[in-house]
Amino acid sequence: MNYEYEQNLISKGYKLIGGIDEAGRGPLAGPLVAGAVILDSQNTEGLSELKDSKLMTEKKRDIAFDLIRENALSWAVGVASNKEIDKYGLSYANKIAMKRAWKHLGAKPDFILSDYIAKLSFETPFELIIKGDRKILTIAAASIIAKVFRDRMMLAFARKYPEYEFEKHKGYGTKIHIEKINSIGPCEIHRRSFGPVKAKLF
């Protein structure tokens, strides 16, 4: 994956191109996390092997996570909690996380490239791209930041709630996770509006 799409925007006068993507829409537990990244346009060659985070192994994501942080001009995350997901719905919570990631950036992008989310908008010029994490380097970088950060949050939750074995499934609806919900009920970080959890509220 190259930086050509972003370079085209830079040739039109934009200077700081931000990428935004999220991780954690599907799990039954835990937060939704968005990543925001501004890559250094003069230092992207070492990032050419980046991919959509879902297409990388955990080990390669961890390596890429450190590489992005070391080489980016700025990076940040935004988090929407499971309670916010339950209160506002997944789509709106997704927008909350993405806006928080954007606002937490140390440098402010003058153009934003984001993976497509219906009705998402920003105060700066932006473009929403379907499957952008598979096409645009800056969005792919944001997807890796979001995914690794969320996975590490779930590892922390695994230590707090060891009986759910979050370290194995990161909150996704695997067989073992659903069995845990069925046998002991949901914990504080479960998304209570999601079907398998909602069905087991005591």
C-alpha atoms as a PDB file:
ATOM      1  CA  MET A   1       0.000   0.000   0.000  1.00  0.00           C
ATOM      2  CA  ASN A   2       1.447   3.375  -0.965  1.00  0.00           C
ATOM      3  CA  TYR A   3       0.884   7.025  -0.023  1.00  0.00           C
ATOM      4  CA  GLU A   4      -0.284   8.088  -3.484  1.00  0.00           C
ATOM      5  CA  TYR A   5      -3.844   9.011  -2.517  1.00  0.00           C
ATOM      6  CA  GLU A   6      -2.588  11.284   0.232  1.00  0.00           C
ATOM      7  CA  GLN A   7       0.114  12.779  -2.000  1.00  0.00           C
ATOM      8  CA  ASN A   8      -2.582  13.787  -4.470  1.00  0.00           C
ATOM      9  CA  LEU A   9      -4.329  15.743  -1.710  1.00  0.00           C
ATOM     10  CA  ILE A  10      -1.026  17.343  -0.694  1.00  0.00           C
ATOM     11  CA  SER A  11      -0.512  18.443  -4.308  1.00  0.00           C
ATOM     12  CA  LYS A  12      -3.837  20.294  -4.024  1.00  0.00           C
ATOM     13  CA  GLY A  13      -2.558  22.334  -1.070  1.00  0.00           C
ATOM     14  CA  TYR A  14      -3.446  20.236   1.955  1.00  0.00           C
ATOM     15  CA  LYS A  15      -0.567  19.726   4.378  1.00  0.00           C
ATOM     16  CA  LEU A  16      -1.681  17.368   7.148  1.00  0.00           C
ATOM     17  CA  ILE A  17      -3.726  14.351   6.058  1.00  0.00           C
ATOM     18  CA  GLY A  18      -5.442  12.482   8.872  1.00  0.00           C
ATOM     19  CA  GLY A  19      -6.744   8.932   8.706  1.00  0.00           C
ATOM     20  CA  ILE A  20      -9.489   7.604  10.987  1.00  0.00           C
ATOM     21  CA  ASP A  21     -10.860   4.103  11.510  1.00  0.00           C
ATOM     22  CA  GLU A  22     -12.432   2.074  14.290  1.00  0.00           C
ATOM     23  CA  ALA A  23     -12.256  -1.361  15.875  1.00  0.00           C
ATOM     24  CA  GLY A  24     -14.778  -3.223  17.964  1.00  0.00           C
ATOM     25  CA  ARG A  25     -18.178  -2.830  16.325  1.00  0.00           C
ATOM     26  CA  GLY A  26     -19.071  -6.492  16.625  1.00  0.00           C
ATOM     27  CA  PRO A  27     -18.077  -7.663  20.127  1.00  0.00           C
ATOM     28  CA  LEU A  28     -20.570  -8.391  22.872  1.00  0.00           C
ATOM     29  CA  ALA A  29     -18.340  -6.745  25.478  1.00  0.00           C
ATOM     30  CA  GLY A  30     -15.908  -3.885  25.805  1.00  0.00           C
ATOM     31  CA  PRO A  31     -15.565  -0.475  24.200  1.00  0.00           C
ATOM     32  CA  LEU A  32     -15.496   0.671  20.628  1.00  0.00           C
ATOM     33  CA  VAL A  33     -12.136   2.312  19.833  1.00  0.00           C
ATOM     34  CA  ALA A  34     -11.254   4.671  16.988  1.00  0.00           C
ATOM     35  CA  GLY A  35      -7.734   5.463  15.872  1.00  0.00           C
ATOM     36  CA  ALA A  36      -6.565   8.684  14.231  1.00  0.00           C
ATOM     37  CA  VAL A  37      -3.189   9.077  12.549  1.00  0.00           C
ATOM     38  CA  ILE A  38      -1.300  11.779  10.664  1.00  0.00           C
ATOM     39  CA  LEU A  39       1.617  10.178   8.851  1.00  0.00           C
ATOM     40  CA  ASP A  40       4.792  12.051   7.989  1.00  0.00           C
ATOM     41  CA  SER A  41       4.555  12.572   4.226  1.00  0.00           C
ATOM     42  CA  GLN A  42       8.352  12.530   4.031  1.00  0.00           C
ATOM     43  CA  ASN A  43       8.692   9.225   5.876  1.00  0.00           C
ATOM     44  CA  THR A  44       6.224   6.604   4.622  1.00  0.00           C
ATOM     45  CA  GLU A  45       8.453   4.107   2.808  1.00  0.00           C
ATOM     46  CA  GLY A  46       8.868   1.951   5.898  1.00  0.00           C
ATOM     47  CA  LEU A  47       5.087   1.693   6.234  1.00  0.00           C
ATOM     48  CA  SER A  48       4.361   0.259   2.796  1.00  0.00           C
ATOM     49  CA  GLU A  49       3.624  -3.198   4.236  1.00  0.00           C
ATOM     50  CA  LEU A  50       0.724  -1.943   6.347  1.00  0.00           C
ATOM     51  CA  LYS A  51      -2.660  -3.536   5.726  1.00  0.00           C
ATOM     52  CA  ASP A  52      -6.146  -3.395   7.112  1.00  0.00           C
ATOM     53  CA  SER A  53      -5.660  -4.584  10.705  1.00  0.00           C
ATOM     54  CA  LYS A  54      -8.099  -7.461  10.158  1.00  0.00           C
ATOM     55  CA  LEU A  55      -5.743  -8.920   7.535  1.00  0.00           C
ATOM     56  CA  MET A  56      -2.694  -8.974   9.819  1.00  0.00           C
ATOM     57  CA  THR A  57      -1.619 -11.399  12.525  1.00  0.00           C
ATOM     58  CA  GLU A  58      -1.503 -10.174  16.111  1.00  0.00           C
ATOM     59  CA  LYS A  59       2.305 -10.219  16.067  1.00  0.00           C
ATOM     60  CA  LYS A  60       2.496  -8.153  12.868  1.00  0.00           C
ATOM     61  CA  ARG A  61      -0.095  -5.708  14.202  1.00  0.00           C
ATOM     62  CA  ASP A  62       1.959  -5.175  17.359  1.00  0.00           C
ATOM     63  CA  ILE A  63       5.081  -4.482  15.292  1.00  0.00           C
ATOM     64  CA  ALA A  64       3.158  -2.132  13.001  1.00  0.00           C
ATOM     65  CA  PHE A  65       1.611  -0.355  16.018  1.00  0.00           C
ATOM     66  CA  ASP A  66       5.058   0.576  17.334  1.00  0.00           C
ATOM     67  CA  LEU A  67       6.279   1.526  13.865  1.00  0.00           C
ATOM     68  CA  ILE A  68       3.339   3.866  13.292  1.00  0.00           C
ATOM     69  CA  ARG A  69       3.762   5.551  16.683  1.00  0.00           C
ATOM     70  CA  GLU A  70       7.477   6.071  16.042  1.00  0.00           C
ATOM     71  CA  ASN A  71       7.021   7.546  12.562  1.00  0.00           C
ATOM     72  CA  ALA A  72       3.687   9.396  12.641  1.00  0.00           C
ATOM     73  CA  LEU A  73       3.478  13.138  13.127  1.00  0.00           C
ATOM     74  CA  SER A  74       0.574  12.546  15.480  1.00  0.00           C
ATOM     75  CA  TRP A  75      -1.696   9.710  16.591  1.00  0.00           C
ATOM     76  CA  ALA A  76      -4.567   9.367  19.033  1.00  0.00           C
ATOM     77  CA  VAL A  77      -7.449   7.159  20.051  1.00  0.00           C
ATOM     78  CA  GLY A  78     -11.048   7.852  20.961  1.00  0.00           C
ATOM     79  CA  VAL A  79     -13.146   5.462  23.026  1.00  0.00           C
ATOM     80  CA  ALA A  80     -16.892   4.933  23.279  1.00  0.00           C
ATOM     81  CA  SER A  81     -17.765   2.748  26.268  1.00  0.00           C
ATOM     82  CA  ASN A  82     -20.156  -0.185  26.254  1.00  0.00           C
ATOM     83  CA  LYS A  83     -22.581   1.982  28.225  1.00  0.00           C
ATOM     84  CA  GLU A  84     -22.483   4.657  25.520  1.00  0.00           C
ATOM     85  CA  ILE A  85     -23.081   1.976  22.890  1.00  0.00           C
ATOM     86  CA  ASP A  86     -26.139   0.791  24.835  1.00  0.00           C
ATOM     87  CA  LYS A  87     -27.405   4.337  25.328  1.00  0.00           C
ATOM     88  CA  TYR A  88     -26.861   5.806  21.865  1.00  0.00           C
ATOM     89  CA  GLY A  89     -26.700   2.793  19.570  1.00  0.00           C
ATOM     90  CA  LEU A  90     -23.707   1.420  17.734  1.00  0.00           C
ATOM     91  CA  SER A  91     -23.737   3.814  14.779  1.00  0.00           C
ATOM     92  CA  TYR A  92     -23.829   6.971  16.895  1.00  0.00           C
ATOM     93  CA  ALA A  93     -21.285   5.576  19.366  1.00  0.00           C
ATOM     94  CA  ASN A  94     -19.001   4.918  16.415  1.00  0.00           C
ATOM     95  CA  LYS A  95     -19.183   8.585  15.470  1.00  0.00           C
ATOM     96  CA  ILE A  96     -18.491   9.579  19.101  1.00  0.00           C
ATOM     97  CA  ALA A  97     -15.302   7.495  19.170  1.00  0.00           C
ATOM     98  CA  MET A  98     -14.111   8.820  15.815  1.00  0.00           C
ATOM     99  CA  LYS A  99     -14.728  12.444  16.777  1.00  0.00           C
ATOM    100  CA  ARG A 100     -12.870  11.918  20.061  1.00  0.00           C
ATOM    101  CA  ALA A 101      -9.894  10.407  18.237  1.00  0.00           C
ATOM    102  CA  TRP A 102      -9.803  13.379  15.862  1.00  0.00           C
ATOM    103  CA  LYS A 103     -10.021  15.902  18.707  1.00  0.00           C
ATOM    104  CA  HIS A 104      -7.244  14.171  20.677  1.00  0.00           C
ATOM    105  CA  LEU A 105      -4.699  14.533  17.870  1.00  0.00           C
ATOM    106  CA  GLY A 106      -1.820  16.789  18.889  1.00  0.00           C
ATOM    107  CA  ALA A 107      -1.669  18.250  15.386  1.00  0.00           C
ATOM    108  CA  LYS A 108      -4.900  19.012  13.565  1.00  0.00           C
ATOM    109  CA  PRO A 109      -5.340  17.605  10.052  1.00  0.00           C
ATOM    110  CA  ASP A 110      -6.577  19.919   7.324  1.00  0.00           C
ATOM    111  CA  PHE A 111      -8.045  16.954   5.433  1.00  0.00           C
ATOM    112  CA  ILE A 112      -9.479  13.738   6.891  1.00  0.00           C
ATOM    113  CA  LEU A 113      -9.724  10.358   5.194  1.00  0.00           C
ATOM    114  CA  SER A 114     -12.043   8.015   7.065  1.00  0.00           C
ATOM    115  CA  ASP A 115     -13.393   4.551   6.599  1.00  0.00           C
ATOM    116  CA  TYR A 116     -17.012   4.922   5.521  1.00  0.00           C
ATOM    117  CA  ILE A 117     -19.603   5.472   8.228  1.00  0.00           C
ATOM    118  CA  ALA A 118     -23.010   6.729   7.084  1.00  0.00           C
ATOM    119  CA  LYS A 119     -23.698  10.367   8.009  1.00  0.00           C
ATOM    120  CA  LEU A 120     -20.263  10.863   9.569  1.00  0.00           C
ATOM    121  CA  SER A 121     -18.941  14.389   9.109  1.00  0.00           C
ATOM    122  CA  PHE A 122     -16.088  16.583  10.322  1.00  0.00           C
ATOM    123  CA  GLU A 123     -15.561  20.325  10.578  1.00  0.00           C
ATOM    124  CA  THR A 124     -12.546  20.099   8.251  1.00  0.00           C
ATOM    125  CA  PRO A 125     -12.638  18.847   4.636  1.00  0.00           C
ATOM    126  CA  PHE A 126     -13.018  15.077   4.603  1.00  0.00           C
ATOM    127  CA  GLU A 127     -13.742  12.040   2.483  1.00  0.00           C
ATOM    128  CA  LEU A 128     -15.442   8.811   3.551  1.00  0.00           C
ATOM    129  CA  ILE A 129     -14.117   5.788   1.683  1.00  0.00           C
ATOM    130  CA  ILE A 130     -15.778   2.375   1.557  1.00  0.00           C
ATOM    131  CA  LYS A 131     -13.233  -0.221   2.729  1.00  0.00           C
ATOM    132  CA  GLY A 132     -10.753   2.609   3.061  1.00  0.00           C
ATOM    133  CA  ASP A 133      -8.622   0.546   5.437  1.00  0.00           C
ATOM    134  CA  ARG A 134      -7.807  -1.729   2.478  1.00  0.00           C
ATOM    135  CA  LYS A 135      -7.055   1.101   0.050  1.00  0.00           C
ATOM    136  CA  ILE A 136      -5.561   4.075   1.883  1.00  0.00           C
ATOM    137  CA  LEU A 137      -2.309   3.872   3.865  1.00  0.00           C
ATOM    138  CA  THR A 138      -3.302   6.474   6.447  1.00  0.00           C
ATOM    139  CA  ILE A 139      -6.634   4.764   7.156  1.00  0.00           C
ATOM    140  CA  ALA A 140      -4.899   1.374   7.417  1.00  0.00           C
ATOM    141  CA  ALA A 141      -2.538   2.894   9.986  1.00  0.00           C
ATOM    142  CA  ALA A 142      -5.518   4.215  11.960  1.00  0.00           C
ATOM    143  CA  SER A 143      -7.162   0.786  11.859  1.00  0.00           C
ATOM    144  CA  ILE A 144      -4.040  -0.798  13.372  1.00  0.00           C
ATOM    145  CA  ILE A 145      -3.838   1.812  16.127  1.00  0.00           C
ATOM    146  CA  ALA A 146      -7.510   1.225  16.975  1.00  0.00           C
ATOM    147  CA  LYS A 147      -7.318  -2.572  16.898  1.00  0.00           C
ATOM    148  CA  VAL A 148      -4.138  -2.965  18.960  1.00  0.00           C
ATOM    149  CA  PHE A 149      -5.225  -0.368  21.526  1.00  0.00           C
ATOM    150  CA  ARG A 150      -8.607  -2.070  21.944  1.00  0.00           C
ATOM    151  CA  ASP A 151      -7.064  -5.537  22.218  1.00  0.00           C
ATOM    152  CA  ARG A 152      -4.793  -4.296  24.976  1.00  0.00           C
ATOM    153  CA  MET A 153      -7.762  -2.783  26.785  1.00  0.00           C
ATOM    154  CA  MET A 154      -9.462  -6.184  26.626  1.00  0.00           C
ATOM    155  CA  LEU A 155      -6.374  -7.852  28.082  1.00  0.00           C
ATOM    156  CA  ALA A 156      -6.633  -5.443  31.008  1.00  0.00           C
ATOM    157  CA  PHE A 157     -10.315  -6.322  31.407  1.00  0.00           C
ATOM    158  CA  ALA A 158      -9.338 -10.017  31.329  1.00  0.00           C
ATOM    159  CA  ARG A 159      -7.319  -9.459  34.501  1.00  0.00           C
ATOM    160  CA  LYS A 160     -10.270  -7.726  36.162  1.00  0.00           C
ATOM    161  CA  TYR A 161     -12.858 -10.273  35.015  1.00  0.00           C
ATOM    162  CA  PRO A 162     -10.844 -13.501  34.610  1.00  0.00           C
ATOM    163  CA  GLU A 163     -13.904 -15.744  34.560  1.00  0.00           C
ATOM    164  CA  TYR A 164     -14.885 -14.498  31.058  1.00  0.00           C
ATOM    165  CA  GLU A 165     -11.493 -15.245  29.465  1.00  0.00           C
ATOM    166  CA  PHE A 166     -11.468 -11.989  27.474  1.00  0.00           C
ATOM    167  CA  GLU A 167      -7.815 -12.607  26.608  1.00  0.00           C
ATOM    168  CA  LYS A 168      -8.971 -15.394  24.273  1.00  0.00           C
ATOM    169  CA  HIS A 169     -11.787 -13.682  22.373  1.00  0.00           C
ATOM    170  CA  LYS A 170     -11.476  -9.936  23.097  1.00  0.00           C
ATOM    171  CA  GLY A 171     -15.213  -9.736  23.752  1.00  0.00           C
ATOM    172  CA  TYR A 172     -16.377 -11.180  20.436  1.00  0.00           C
ATOM    173  CA  GLY A 173     -19.280 -13.618  20.367  1.00  0.00           C
ATOM    174  CA  THR A 174     -17.293 -16.837  20.265  1.00  0.00           C
ATOM    175  CA  LYS A 175     -18.722 -20.119  21.511  1.00  0.00           C
ATOM    176  CA  ILE A 176     -16.740 -19.970  24.750  1.00  0.00           C
ATOM    177  CA  HIS A 177     -17.765 -16.353  25.411  1.00  0.00           C
ATOM    178  CA  ILE A 178     -21.449 -17.050  24.873  1.00  0.00           C
ATOM    179  CA  GLU A 179     -21.174 -20.093  27.147  1.00  0.00           C
ATOM    180  CA  LYS A 180     -19.723 -17.835  29.861  1.00  0.00           C
ATOM    181  CA  ILE A 181     -22.544 -15.320  29.454  1.00  0.00           C
ATOM    182  CA  ASN A 182     -25.122 -18.125  29.616  1.00  0.00           C
ATOM    183  CA  SER A 183     -23.612 -19.676  32.739  1.00  0.00           C
ATOM    184  CA  ILE A 184     -22.704 -16.642  34.858  1.00  0.00           C
ATOM    185  CA  GLY A 185     -24.488 -13.733  33.191  1.00  0.00           C
ATOM    186  CA  PRO A 186     -22.982 -10.471  31.898  1.00  0.00           C
ATOM    187  CA  CYS A 187     -20.442  -8.328  33.712  1.00  0.00           C
ATOM    188  CA  GLU A 188     -19.987  -4.574  33.896  1.00  0.00           C
ATOM    189  CA  ILE A 189     -18.425  -4.234  30.427  1.00  0.00           C
ATOM    190  CA  HIS A 190     -20.969  -6.279  28.460  1.00  0.00           C
ATOM    191  CA  ARG A 191     -23.112  -4.505  25.886  1.00  0.00           C
ATOM    192  CA  ARG A 192     -26.540  -5.100  27.335  1.00  0.00           C
ATOM    193  CA  SER A 193     -28.381  -4.040  24.183  1.00  0.00           C
ATOM    194  CA  PHE A 194     -26.765  -6.839  22.160  1.00  0.00           C
ATOM    195  CA  GLY A 195     -28.974  -9.909  21.728  1.00  0.00           C
ATOM    196  CA  PRO A 196     -26.965 -12.697  23.399  1.00  0.00           C
ATOM    197  CA  VAL A 197     -26.267 -10.460  26.403  1.00  0.00           C
ATOM    198  CA  LYS A 198     -29.743  -8.946  26.608  1.00  0.00           C
ATOM    199  CA  ALA A 199     -31.262 -12.430  26.679  1.00  0.00           C
ATOM    200  CA  LYS A 200     -29.295 -13.284  29.835  1.00  0.00           C
ATOM    201  CA  LEU A 201     -29.876 -10.222  31.995  1.00  0.00           C
ATOM    202  CA  PHE A 202     -30.892 -11.299  35.464  1.00  0.00           C
END
